[in-house]
Amino acid sequence: MSRTRRIRAESLAALRSFLRRRTAVFFTFVFPIVLIAIFAGLVRTGGAGLFGESPGSYVPAYLAVVVVFTPLSRVASEVVRHREGRRFEKLATTPLGPAEWLLAQTLVTVALVSLGAIAVLVALLGVGSRVPLSPWLVVYVPITTAVFCGLGAIIGSLADDRDGAIAASNGIALPLVLLSETFVASASLPAWFRPAIELSPVTYFARGLRAAGESGAIGWPGSVPASAAVLVVCAVLTLGVAVRVLPWRSTAP
């Protein structure tokens, strides 16, 4: 079997596994829409106070919910599930390698997150929000998803069990989504905390999409291609580390 066929077969198996888990489907496609209903319908962004930015500036924040939570929780739990079920031990005896397995998981997750992102954009249009669409969406969403697929695989490889992996994923995702120039502007955060924002991949996701949707500015750090380049580097690093730490051979005889 060729590499392409191995990756395709593993991708289809991963997709079927996802669709069988209703909780995962809910949090991928329904939870972000509930969040939009709360913020866009009840909190009313664009007014005064903490959420005083224009409604359109929160589009990256809503998308970040899907782009961060889904890859982290899904891939982390998949790694733990494969390890506990001794599936890696079986896969280690086949031609499929750890990089191919992770690529298959990433491709499926990118497809699911892309559908979730479309649902988010449609929901925003449904509540009357201005959605600054940009061709850069087809770059930023997959790349950032790949970043958190790699991070999710690392978490799953290091976690003791699935509960620990999910807890760690949520514990990392929540502050990243809330505090990376998404829902809360950096000016509203303490001065001592602001340098930490620069370390979050979500910051460059939000900056890049805002710049692309508003003006397409070309200066660091708001540059659209520069922010995308940072995310590419993050994706390469996290996926590379994930392949190395996957418990692929540790369970094999």
Protein backbone atom coordinates (compact mmCIF):
# COMPACT_ATOMS: atom_id res chain seq x y z
CA MET A 1 0.00 0.00 0.00
CA SER A 2 1.36 3.41 -0.98
CA ARG A 3 1.87 6.22 1.52
CA THR A 4 -1.06 8.16 0.06
CA ARG A 5 -3.39 5.19 0.45
CA ARG A 6 -2.20 4.57 4.03
CA ILE A 7 -2.87 8.17 4.99
CA ARG A 8 -6.26 8.13 3.26
CA ALA A 9 -7.29 4.92 5.01
CA GLU A 10 -6.24 6.24 8.41
CA SER A 11 -8.01 9.54 7.72
CA LEU A 12 -11.29 7.79 6.92
CA ALA A 13 -10.98 5.68 10.08
CA ALA A 14 -10.35 8.83 12.14
CA LEU A 15 -13.35 10.58 10.59
CA ARG A 16 -15.68 7.66 11.34
CA SER A 17 -14.38 7.56 14.90
CA PHE A 18 -15.12 11.28 15.33
CA LEU A 19 -18.65 11.06 13.96
CA ARG A 20 -19.49 8.27 16.42
CA ARG A 21 -18.73 10.54 19.39
CA ARG A 22 -21.65 12.92 19.81
CA THR A 23 -19.94 15.02 22.47
CA ALA A 24 -17.06 15.78 20.12
CA VAL A 25 -19.48 16.71 17.33
CA PHE A 26 -21.38 19.00 19.69
CA PHE A 27 -18.34 20.92 20.90
CA THR A 28 -16.99 21.26 17.36
CA PHE A 29 -20.11 22.56 15.63
CA VAL A 30 -22.68 23.62 18.25
CA PHE A 31 -20.67 25.07 21.15
CA PRO A 32 -19.11 27.92 19.09
CA ILE A 33 -22.57 28.91 17.84
CA VAL A 34 -23.85 28.99 21.43
CA LEU A 35 -20.91 31.25 22.28
CA ILE A 36 -21.79 33.57 19.42
CA ALA A 37 -25.39 33.72 20.63
CA ILE A 38 -24.16 34.75 24.07
CA PHE A 39 -21.70 37.40 22.95
CA ALA A 40 -23.37 38.75 19.83
CA GLY A 41 -26.93 38.41 21.14
CA LEU A 42 -26.64 39.13 24.87
CA VAL A 43 -23.33 40.82 25.65
CA ARG A 44 -23.63 43.05 22.60
CA THR A 45 -20.07 43.67 21.52
CA GLY A 46 -19.39 47.11 20.16
CA GLY A 47 -20.75 48.98 23.14
CA ALA A 48 -18.85 50.27 26.14
CA GLY A 49 -16.76 48.35 28.64
CA LEU A 50 -14.64 45.23 28.33
CA PHE A 51 -16.18 44.10 25.03
CA GLY A 52 -16.27 47.54 23.46
CA GLU A 53 -14.54 46.73 20.18
CA SER A 54 -16.51 46.65 16.93
CA PRO A 55 -18.41 43.38 16.37
CA GLY A 56 -16.30 42.56 13.32
CA SER A 57 -13.08 42.58 15.38
CA TYR A 58 -14.34 39.59 17.38
CA VAL A 59 -14.61 37.31 14.33
CA PRO A 60 -11.08 35.92 14.94
CA ALA A 61 -12.04 35.28 18.56
CA TYR A 62 -15.07 33.20 17.59
CA LEU A 63 -13.03 31.28 15.04
CA ALA A 64 -10.29 30.71 17.62
CA VAL A 65 -12.75 28.74 19.75
CA VAL A 66 -12.99 26.13 16.97
CA VAL A 67 -9.38 26.35 15.82
CA VAL A 68 -7.95 25.85 19.32
CA PHE A 69 -10.37 23.69 21.31
CA THR A 70 -11.17 21.11 18.63
CA PRO A 71 -7.60 20.13 17.65
CA LEU A 72 -6.31 20.13 21.23
CA SER A 73 -9.05 17.99 22.73
CA ARG A 74 -9.57 15.73 19.73
CA VAL A 75 -5.95 14.83 18.98
CA ALA A 76 -4.95 14.60 22.65
CA SER A 77 -7.79 12.18 23.38
CA GLU A 78 -7.02 10.18 20.22
CA VAL A 79 -3.41 9.68 21.29
CA VAL A 80 -4.46 8.52 24.76
CA ARG A 81 -7.17 6.28 23.32
CA HIS A 82 -4.72 4.64 20.95
CA ARG A 83 -2.17 4.17 23.71
CA GLU A 84 -4.63 2.73 26.24
CA GLY A 85 -6.19 0.45 23.62
CA ARG A 86 -2.73 -0.71 22.51
CA ARG A 87 -3.52 0.49 19.00
CA PHE A 88 -0.10 2.04 18.57
CA GLU A 89 1.34 -1.38 19.29
CA LYS A 90 -0.66 -2.80 16.39
CA LEU A 91 0.09 0.12 14.07
CA ALA A 92 3.80 -0.23 14.80
CA THR A 93 3.69 -3.63 13.04
CA THR A 94 2.21 -2.10 9.87
CA PRO A 95 3.82 0.11 7.19
CA LEU A 96 2.04 3.15 8.69
CA GLY A 97 4.52 5.40 10.49
CA PRO A 98 3.94 7.94 13.30
CA ALA A 99 4.34 10.91 10.94
CA GLU A 100 1.74 9.44 8.58
CA TRP A 101 -0.65 8.75 11.46
CA LEU A 102 -0.31 12.28 12.76
CA LEU A 103 -0.72 13.71 9.26
CA ALA A 104 -3.95 11.73 8.82
CA GLN A 105 -5.26 13.00 12.15
CA THR A 106 -4.29 16.55 11.21
CA LEU A 107 -5.99 16.37 7.80
CA VAL A 108 -9.23 15.13 9.34
CA THR A 109 -9.08 17.78 12.04
CA VAL A 110 -8.41 20.53 9.50
CA ALA A 111 -11.49 19.41 7.53
CA LEU A 112 -13.66 19.34 10.66
CA VAL A 113 -12.39 22.69 11.89
CA SER A 114 -12.94 24.23 8.46
CA LEU A 115 -16.57 23.10 8.54
CA GLY A 116 -16.86 24.45 12.08
CA ALA A 117 -15.39 27.78 10.94
CA ILE A 118 -17.95 27.98 8.14
CA ALA A 119 -20.72 27.32 10.66
CA VAL A 120 -19.34 30.12 12.84
CA LEU A 121 -19.27 32.59 9.94
CA VAL A 122 -22.81 31.66 8.89
CA ALA A 123 -24.02 32.06 12.48
CA LEU A 124 -22.40 35.50 12.68
CA LEU A 125 -24.14 36.55 9.49
CA GLY A 126 -27.37 35.19 10.94
CA VAL A 127 -27.17 37.50 13.96
CA GLY A 128 -26.41 40.48 11.76
CA SER A 129 -22.70 40.84 12.51
CA ARG A 130 -20.33 42.25 9.94
CA VAL A 131 -18.00 39.49 8.84
CA PRO A 132 -14.81 40.78 7.17
CA LEU A 133 -14.13 37.83 4.90
CA SER A 134 -10.65 37.40 3.46
CA PRO A 135 -8.92 34.80 1.26
CA TRP A 136 -6.39 34.54 4.09
CA LEU A 137 -8.95 32.52 6.03
CA VAL A 138 -8.07 29.48 3.93
CA VAL A 139 -4.46 29.92 5.07
CA TYR A 140 -4.86 30.84 8.71
CA VAL A 141 -7.47 28.27 9.71
CA PRO A 142 -5.59 25.15 8.46
CA ILE A 143 -2.17 26.33 9.65
CA THR A 144 -3.36 27.23 13.14
CA THR A 145 -5.30 23.99 13.34
CA ALA A 146 -2.08 22.13 12.52
CA VAL A 147 -0.30 24.00 15.33
CA PHE A 148 -2.78 22.76 17.89
CA CYS A 149 -2.95 19.27 16.42
CA GLY A 150 0.75 19.02 17.17
CA LEU A 151 0.31 20.46 20.65
CA GLY A 152 -2.62 18.13 21.27
CA ALA A 153 -0.53 15.12 20.27
CA ILE A 154 2.20 16.23 22.68
CA ILE A 155 -0.32 16.59 25.51
CA GLY A 156 -1.82 13.19 24.76
CA SER A 157 1.62 11.59 24.71
CA LEU A 158 2.54 13.03 28.10
CA ALA A 159 -0.82 12.73 29.89
CA ASP A 160 -1.48 9.79 32.22
CA ASP A 161 -5.01 9.14 30.94
CA ARG A 162 -7.78 10.59 28.81
CA ASP A 163 -9.27 12.66 31.63
CA GLY A 164 -5.87 14.20 32.24
CA ALA A 165 -5.42 14.91 28.54
CA ILE A 166 -8.80 16.63 28.26
CA ALA A 167 -8.21 18.63 31.44
CA ALA A 168 -4.79 19.75 30.23
CA SER A 169 -6.17 20.62 26.78
CA ASN A 170 -8.96 22.75 28.23
CA GLY A 171 -6.62 24.31 30.76
CA ILE A 172 -4.34 25.44 27.94
CA ALA A 173 -7.04 26.34 25.40
CA LEU A 174 -9.20 28.55 27.61
CA PRO A 175 -6.58 31.18 28.54
CA LEU A 176 -5.15 31.12 25.02
CA VAL A 177 -8.55 31.85 23.48
CA LEU A 178 -9.47 34.53 26.00
CA LEU A 179 -6.15 36.32 26.46
CA SER A 180 -4.50 36.35 23.02
CA GLU A 181 -5.87 39.65 21.69
CA THR A 182 -9.14 37.89 20.95
CA PHE A 183 -12.00 38.65 23.33
CA VAL A 184 -9.93 40.90 25.61
CA ALA A 185 -7.73 43.64 24.15
CA SER A 186 -4.14 43.69 25.34
CA ALA A 187 -4.65 47.23 26.66
CA SER A 188 -7.14 45.84 29.17
CA LEU A 189 -4.58 43.41 30.61
CA PRO A 190 -1.88 44.22 33.19
CA ALA A 191 1.33 45.59 31.72
CA TRP A 192 3.39 42.75 33.21
CA PHE A 193 1.28 40.16 31.40
CA ARG A 194 1.39 41.70 27.93
CA PRO A 195 4.77 40.24 26.87
CA ALA A 196 3.31 36.75 27.40
CA ILE A 197 0.75 37.48 24.69
CA GLU A 198 3.54 37.46 22.12
CA LEU A 199 4.21 33.79 22.91
CA SER A 200 0.69 32.65 21.99
CA PRO A 201 0.06 31.36 18.45
CA VAL A 202 -3.53 32.55 18.81
CA THR A 203 -2.25 36.12 19.02
CA TYR A 204 -0.84 35.89 15.50
CA PHE A 205 -3.99 34.15 14.29
CA ALA A 206 -6.10 37.05 15.58
CA ARG A 207 -3.72 39.78 14.42
CA GLY A 208 -3.33 38.34 10.97
CA LEU A 209 -7.03 37.85 10.33
CA ARG A 210 -7.89 41.32 11.63
CA ALA A 211 -5.22 42.90 9.44
CA ALA A 212 -6.41 40.88 6.44
CA GLY A 213 -10.05 41.79 7.02
CA GLU A 214 -9.53 45.44 7.78
CA SER A 215 -6.63 46.87 5.82
CA GLY A 216 -4.14 44.17 4.82
CA ALA A 217 -1.40 46.16 6.55
CA ILE A 218 2.15 45.10 5.84
CA GLY A 219 4.06 46.12 8.99
CA TRP A 220 5.21 43.92 11.87
CA PRO A 221 3.47 42.69 13.99
CA GLY A 222 0.20 43.27 12.18
CA SER A 223 1.49 42.02 8.86
CA VAL A 224 -0.71 39.35 7.38
CA PRO A 225 2.10 37.28 5.79
CA ALA A 226 4.41 37.80 8.78
CA SER A 227 1.81 36.48 11.22
CA ALA A 228 1.15 33.55 8.90
CA ALA A 229 4.88 32.83 8.80
CA VAL A 230 5.00 32.69 12.60
CA LEU A 231 2.15 30.18 12.57
CA VAL A 232 3.92 28.05 9.96
CA VAL A 233 7.01 27.91 12.16
CA CYS A 234 4.86 26.98 15.17
CA ALA A 235 3.15 24.23 13.15
CA VAL A 236 6.46 22.74 12.01
CA LEU A 237 7.83 22.80 15.56
CA THR A 238 4.80 21.33 17.33
CA LEU A 239 4.19 18.62 14.73
CA GLY A 240 7.88 17.74 14.66
CA VAL A 241 8.04 17.38 18.43
CA ALA A 242 4.76 15.45 18.44
CA VAL A 243 6.10 12.85 15.99
CA ARG A 244 9.13 12.34 18.22
CA VAL A 245 7.17 11.90 21.48
CA LEU A 246 4.28 9.79 20.17
CA PRO A 247 4.24 6.51 22.14
CA TRP A 248 4.62 4.57 18.92
CA ARG A 249 7.39 2.13 19.72
CA SER A 250 7.15 2.19 23.50
CA THR A 251 4.17 -0.18 23.49
CA ALA A 252 5.46 -2.43 20.77
CA PRO A 253 7.19 -5.68 21.69
